[in-house]
């Protein structure tokens, strides 16, 4: 009787054979019963050799890494500055047919649409010729304007009157108004919500008057109409377009009171306006 293989060794051999079968390696032994039927010759079977150490698993073959392409340097073109003459958000606003300054003032009423109404004395709507070819747009009323209810009647207003007269015109020939109709406390600049609330009335005024030229006095007026954040010095004195009308921005008279040398620059701007309006362009500085 053949000696029985120890159970531990038998299990180890069985596991090893299964391992080789998983690798595709089979037929480690011959079927003795089938061989004896086919041949009378005895076949000597030998037991598989004792396994002393395990065959290492084949190492996975790593795919060769493709060389990384060097990043292509893309030359970025500088973003263009916003074109001030282009259409603004206001361009899409519907115009009121057969609008008049009287109707606009009635619609404005005793306005309480923004917080400026709580500190104002008067609503400063505008003043001048309702059919003027030239409209001046300022920032907002000051203390004198708030007291009298008229635009540009303080020190800056007197300087504006001199500028208008130097052009060969009178205040009654032009129209003067502001972005906001109520005085900001302490003469501060109007805040964004105040401008957005009040500016639709300004646009209706401009449409109703239908001027040939609009002159923005200062940065607030220019930035409001042109919807730009560019500083006024970047486009002061340049002809721009607003709602199919010529627009020119220049310094505010209050700025000229603080910086008298800038008066010569403003006079050059006003001479451009005079040329468009067909007024006689006078040489030299105004008195």
Protein backbone atom coordinates (compact mmCIF):
# COMPACT_ATOMS: atom_id res chain seq x y z
CA UNK A 1 0.00 0.00 0.00
CA UNK A 2 1.40 3.34 -1.09
CA UNK A 3 2.39 5.70 1.63
CA UNK A 4 -0.19 8.48 2.04
CA UNK A 5 1.06 11.98 1.43
CA UNK A 6 0.81 14.13 4.52
CA UNK A 7 -2.27 16.33 4.48
CA UNK A 8 -0.27 19.57 4.86
CA UNK A 9 1.94 18.72 1.90
CA UNK A 10 -1.05 17.60 -0.16
CA UNK A 11 -2.76 20.94 0.43
CA UNK A 12 0.39 22.83 -0.48
CA UNK A 13 0.74 20.84 -3.74
CA UNK A 14 -2.93 21.36 -4.57
CA UNK A 15 -2.64 25.12 -4.04
CA UNK A 16 0.49 25.20 -6.15
CA UNK A 17 -1.19 23.29 -9.00
CA UNK A 18 -4.14 25.66 -8.92
CA UNK A 19 -1.69 28.53 -9.05
CA UNK A 20 0.00 27.07 -12.17
CA UNK A 21 -3.40 26.43 -13.77
CA UNK A 22 -4.25 30.07 -13.27
CA UNK A 23 -1.05 30.87 -15.16
CA UNK A 24 -2.11 28.53 -18.00
CA UNK A 25 0.34 25.73 -17.09
CA UNK A 26 -1.31 22.28 -16.96
CA UNK A 27 -0.59 18.50 -17.32
CA UNK A 28 1.96 17.96 -14.53
CA UNK A 29 1.05 14.25 -14.38
CA UNK A 30 -0.28 11.40 -16.57
CA UNK A 31 -3.59 9.63 -16.11
CA UNK A 32 -2.30 6.19 -15.06
CA UNK A 33 -5.57 4.35 -15.71
CA UNK A 34 -5.84 5.61 -19.31
CA UNK A 35 -2.17 4.89 -20.00
CA UNK A 36 -2.51 1.33 -18.68
CA UNK A 37 -5.47 0.69 -20.95
CA UNK A 38 -3.61 1.89 -24.05
CA UNK A 39 -0.33 0.15 -23.36
CA UNK A 40 0.75 -2.88 -21.45
CA UNK A 41 4.05 -1.29 -20.68
CA UNK A 42 4.27 -0.09 -17.16
CA UNK A 43 4.57 3.60 -16.73
CA UNK A 44 6.60 4.91 -13.88
CA UNK A 45 5.09 7.86 -12.24
CA UNK A 46 7.08 10.17 -10.24
CA UNK A 47 5.66 12.52 -7.72
CA UNK A 48 6.23 16.19 -8.31
CA UNK A 49 9.34 17.40 -6.63
CA UNK A 50 8.93 18.93 -3.24
CA UNK A 51 8.34 22.62 -3.50
CA UNK A 52 10.76 24.56 -1.43
CA UNK A 53 10.13 28.10 -2.59
CA UNK A 54 7.34 29.82 -4.43
CA UNK A 55 7.67 31.05 -7.99
CA UNK A 56 7.54 34.82 -8.05
CA UNK A 57 4.65 36.42 -9.84
CA UNK A 58 5.53 38.07 -13.14
CA UNK A 59 6.15 41.76 -12.71
CA UNK A 60 3.64 43.97 -14.48
CA UNK A 61 5.02 45.61 -17.57
CA UNK A 62 4.78 49.37 -17.31
CA UNK A 63 3.80 51.22 -20.41
CA UNK A 64 6.45 53.66 -21.51
CA UNK A 65 5.49 57.20 -20.59
CA UNK A 66 5.10 59.54 -23.49
CA UNK A 67 7.18 62.68 -23.19
CA UNK A 68 5.11 65.54 -21.91
CA UNK A 69 4.63 68.29 -24.42
CA UNK A 70 6.08 71.58 -23.35
CA UNK A 71 3.35 74.12 -22.60
CA UNK A 72 2.80 76.43 -25.49
CA UNK A 73 3.12 80.02 -24.43
CA UNK A 74 0.02 81.83 -25.59
CA UNK A 75 0.43 85.49 -26.16
CA UNK A 76 -2.55 87.26 -24.66
CA UNK A 77 -3.67 90.43 -26.30
CA UNK A 78 -4.39 93.26 -23.86
CA UNK A 79 -8.06 93.85 -23.24
CA UNK A 80 -9.24 96.97 -25.02
CA UNK A 81 -10.46 99.89 -23.00
CA UNK A 82 -14.24 100.31 -23.08
CA UNK A 83 -15.32 102.48 -25.96
CA UNK A 84 -17.07 105.43 -24.45
CA UNK A 85 -18.99 106.16 -27.65
CA UNK A 86 -20.55 102.71 -27.70
CA UNK A 87 -24.09 101.94 -26.61
CA UNK A 88 -24.71 102.03 -22.88
CA UNK A 89 -27.37 100.44 -20.75
CA UNK A 90 -29.42 103.55 -21.32
CA UNK A 91 -29.51 102.96 -25.07
CA UNK A 92 -31.99 100.13 -24.60
CA UNK A 93 -34.44 102.26 -22.62
CA UNK A 94 -37.63 103.05 -24.46
CA UNK A 95 -38.09 106.71 -25.20
CA UNK A 96 -41.32 108.35 -24.09
CA UNK A 97 -43.23 109.59 -27.10
CA UNK A 98 -44.19 113.28 -27.20
CA UNK A 99 -42.42 113.82 -23.88
CA UNK A 100 -42.02 117.33 -22.50
CA UNK A 101 -40.11 118.88 -19.64
CA UNK A 102 -43.40 119.79 -17.98
CA UNK A 103 -44.62 116.20 -18.10
CA UNK A 104 -41.28 114.93 -16.78
CA UNK A 105 -41.46 117.36 -13.87
CA UNK A 106 -44.98 116.22 -13.10
CA UNK A 107 -43.88 112.58 -13.15
CA UNK A 108 -40.99 113.39 -10.82
CA UNK A 109 -43.42 114.97 -8.36
CA UNK A 110 -42.29 115.49 -4.76
CA UNK A 111 -39.86 112.63 -5.21
CA UNK A 112 -39.09 110.29 -2.31
CA UNK A 113 -37.53 107.54 -4.45
CA UNK A 114 -34.10 107.65 -2.76
CA UNK A 115 -32.70 108.75 0.60
CA UNK A 116 -31.65 112.19 -0.66
CA UNK A 117 -35.21 113.45 -0.24
CA UNK A 118 -34.85 113.31 3.55
CA UNK A 119 -32.22 116.05 3.65
CA UNK A 120 -33.10 118.26 0.68
CA UNK A 121 -34.77 121.65 0.77
CA UNK A 122 -35.71 121.86 -2.91
CA UNK A 123 -35.85 119.64 -5.96
CA UNK A 124 -33.52 121.21 -8.55
CA UNK A 125 -35.03 120.02 -11.83
CA UNK A 126 -33.25 122.16 -14.45
CA UNK A 127 -33.32 125.56 -16.08
CA UNK A 128 -33.04 127.07 -19.53
CA UNK A 129 -34.31 126.78 -23.08
CA UNK A 130 -36.49 123.67 -23.54
CA UNK A 131 -35.41 123.56 -27.20
CA UNK A 132 -31.74 124.35 -26.65
CA UNK A 133 -29.07 123.04 -29.01
CA UNK A 134 -26.64 122.85 -26.08
CA UNK A 135 -27.26 121.07 -22.76
CA UNK A 136 -24.88 121.19 -19.78
CA UNK A 137 -25.13 118.28 -17.35
CA UNK A 138 -23.60 118.61 -13.90
CA UNK A 139 -23.31 116.35 -10.89
CA UNK A 140 -25.89 117.54 -8.36
CA UNK A 141 -27.13 120.63 -6.51
CA UNK A 142 -25.04 122.37 -3.89
CA UNK A 143 -26.18 124.43 -0.92
CA UNK A 144 -27.07 127.53 -2.98
CA UNK A 145 -28.93 125.45 -5.57
CA UNK A 146 -30.82 123.57 -2.85
CA UNK A 147 -31.89 126.89 -1.33
CA UNK A 148 -32.99 128.51 -4.61
CA UNK A 149 -34.23 125.46 -6.52
CA UNK A 150 -32.12 126.37 -9.59
CA UNK A 151 -28.98 124.67 -10.97
CA UNK A 152 -25.54 126.31 -10.91
CA UNK A 153 -26.25 129.51 -9.01
CA UNK A 154 -23.37 129.36 -6.50
CA UNK A 155 -19.72 130.23 -7.12
CA UNK A 156 -19.31 127.39 -9.62
CA UNK A 157 -22.54 128.50 -11.29
CA UNK A 158 -21.27 132.03 -11.74
CA UNK A 159 -18.15 130.65 -13.42
CA UNK A 160 -20.32 128.51 -15.73
CA UNK A 161 -22.32 131.60 -16.66
CA UNK A 162 -19.06 133.35 -17.61
CA UNK A 163 -18.05 130.36 -19.72
CA UNK A 164 -21.40 130.39 -21.53
CA UNK A 165 -21.15 134.10 -22.19
CA UNK A 166 -17.60 133.68 -23.49
CA UNK A 167 -19.07 131.33 -26.10
CA UNK A 168 -21.34 134.15 -27.28
CA UNK A 169 -24.45 132.72 -25.60
CA UNK A 170 -26.67 133.49 -22.62
CA UNK A 171 -27.95 131.11 -19.96
CA UNK A 172 -31.43 131.40 -21.49
CA UNK A 173 -30.03 129.98 -24.73
CA UNK A 174 -28.86 126.70 -23.20
CA UNK A 175 -30.31 124.14 -20.79
CA UNK A 176 -28.61 123.27 -17.49
CA UNK A 177 -29.41 120.26 -15.29
CA UNK A 178 -27.80 117.65 -13.05
CA UNK A 179 -27.57 113.88 -12.72
CA UNK A 180 -29.42 113.97 -9.35
CA UNK A 181 -32.10 116.49 -8.51
CA UNK A 182 -31.53 116.66 -4.75
CA UNK A 183 -28.45 117.87 -2.89
CA UNK A 184 -26.26 115.10 -1.43
CA UNK A 185 -25.46 115.88 2.22
CA UNK A 186 -22.23 117.81 2.67
CA UNK A 187 -21.90 118.15 -1.12
CA UNK A 188 -20.59 114.58 -1.32
CA UNK A 189 -20.72 112.71 -4.63
CA UNK A 190 -24.02 110.98 -5.40
CA UNK A 191 -24.00 107.30 -4.56
CA UNK A 192 -24.70 104.57 -7.10
CA UNK A 193 -28.25 103.86 -5.98
CA UNK A 194 -29.07 107.58 -6.02
CA UNK A 195 -27.72 107.95 -9.56
CA UNK A 196 -29.57 104.88 -10.84
CA UNK A 197 -32.83 106.14 -9.30
CA UNK A 198 -32.64 109.69 -10.60
CA UNK A 199 -30.83 109.34 -13.96
CA UNK A 200 -33.90 108.11 -15.91
CA UNK A 201 -35.41 111.57 -15.46
CA UNK A 202 -32.20 113.11 -16.82
CA UNK A 203 -32.40 110.88 -19.90
CA UNK A 204 -35.98 111.93 -20.50
CA UNK A 205 -34.93 115.57 -20.22
CA UNK A 206 -32.23 115.07 -22.85
CA UNK A 207 -34.63 113.24 -25.18
CA UNK A 208 -37.32 115.88 -24.76
CA UNK A 209 -34.91 118.74 -25.48
CA UNK A 210 -33.14 116.86 -28.31
CA UNK A 211 -29.98 119.00 -28.21
CA UNK A 212 -27.29 118.99 -30.83
CA UNK A 213 -24.49 118.84 -28.23
CA UNK A 214 -24.28 117.59 -24.65
CA UNK A 215 -21.47 118.86 -22.42
CA UNK A 216 -20.78 116.81 -19.29
CA UNK A 217 -19.38 118.92 -16.48
CA UNK A 218 -17.20 116.62 -14.38
CA UNK A 219 -16.63 112.92 -13.96
CA UNK A 220 -19.98 111.99 -12.38
CA UNK A 221 -22.02 113.30 -15.32
CA UNK A 222 -19.67 111.77 -17.89
CA UNK A 223 -19.51 108.36 -16.23
CA UNK A 224 -23.28 108.28 -15.77
CA UNK A 225 -24.12 108.96 -19.40
CA UNK A 226 -21.28 106.94 -20.89
CA UNK A 227 -21.55 104.08 -18.39
CA UNK A 228 -17.78 103.86 -17.96
CA UNK A 229 -15.32 103.70 -15.08
CA UNK A 230 -12.56 105.44 -17.01
CA UNK A 231 -11.24 108.64 -15.51
CA UNK A 232 -12.43 111.81 -17.20
CA UNK A 233 -8.87 112.80 -18.09
CA UNK A 234 -8.75 109.82 -20.47
CA UNK A 235 -11.48 111.19 -22.73
CA UNK A 236 -11.90 114.86 -21.79
CA UNK A 237 -12.16 117.04 -24.86
CA UNK A 238 -12.94 114.12 -27.19
CA UNK A 239 -16.10 113.95 -29.24
CA UNK A 240 -18.19 110.96 -28.18
CA UNK A 241 -21.71 109.88 -29.00
CA UNK A 242 -24.70 109.44 -26.72
CA UNK A 243 -28.07 108.40 -28.08
CA UNK A 244 -27.10 109.64 -31.57
CA UNK A 245 -25.98 113.02 -30.21
CA UNK A 246 -22.55 114.56 -29.86
CA UNK A 247 -21.17 114.50 -26.33
CA UNK A 248 -18.08 116.16 -24.93
CA UNK A 249 -16.82 115.88 -21.35
CA UNK A 250 -14.85 118.61 -19.61
CA UNK A 251 -13.92 119.66 -16.08
CA UNK A 252 -16.56 120.83 -13.60
CA UNK A 253 -16.52 124.58 -12.79
CA UNK A 254 -15.98 123.73 -9.12
CA UNK A 255 -12.76 121.97 -10.13
CA UNK A 256 -11.67 125.09 -12.01
CA UNK A 257 -12.15 127.18 -8.86
CA UNK A 258 -9.67 124.90 -7.11
CA UNK A 259 -7.34 124.59 -10.15
CA UNK A 260 -7.44 127.85 -12.16
CA UNK A 261 -4.71 126.72 -14.65
CA UNK A 262 -7.17 124.12 -16.00
CA UNK A 263 -9.43 126.89 -17.33
CA UNK A 264 -7.40 127.05 -20.54
CA UNK A 265 -8.08 123.36 -21.19
CA UNK A 266 -11.81 123.84 -20.67
CA UNK A 267 -11.81 126.84 -23.00
CA UNK A 268 -10.28 124.66 -25.73
CA UNK A 269 -13.08 122.16 -25.17
CA UNK A 270 -15.74 124.86 -25.41
CA UNK A 271 -14.21 126.15 -28.64
CA UNK A 272 -14.82 122.68 -30.15
CA UNK A 273 -18.47 122.96 -29.08
CA UNK A 274 -18.70 126.42 -30.62
CA UNK A 275 -17.40 125.12 -33.94
CA UNK A 276 -20.05 122.37 -34.06
CA UNK A 277 -22.82 124.85 -33.17
CA UNK A 278 -21.65 127.28 -35.83
CA UNK A 279 -20.62 129.95 -33.33
CA UNK A 280 -17.71 132.27 -33.98
CA UNK A 281 -14.62 130.73 -32.41
CA UNK A 282 -12.72 133.46 -30.62
CA UNK A 283 -8.97 133.24 -30.29
CA UNK A 284 -7.22 133.53 -26.98
CA UNK A 285 -8.55 132.96 -23.48
CA UNK A 286 -11.92 134.25 -22.25
CA UNK A 287 -11.91 137.18 -19.89
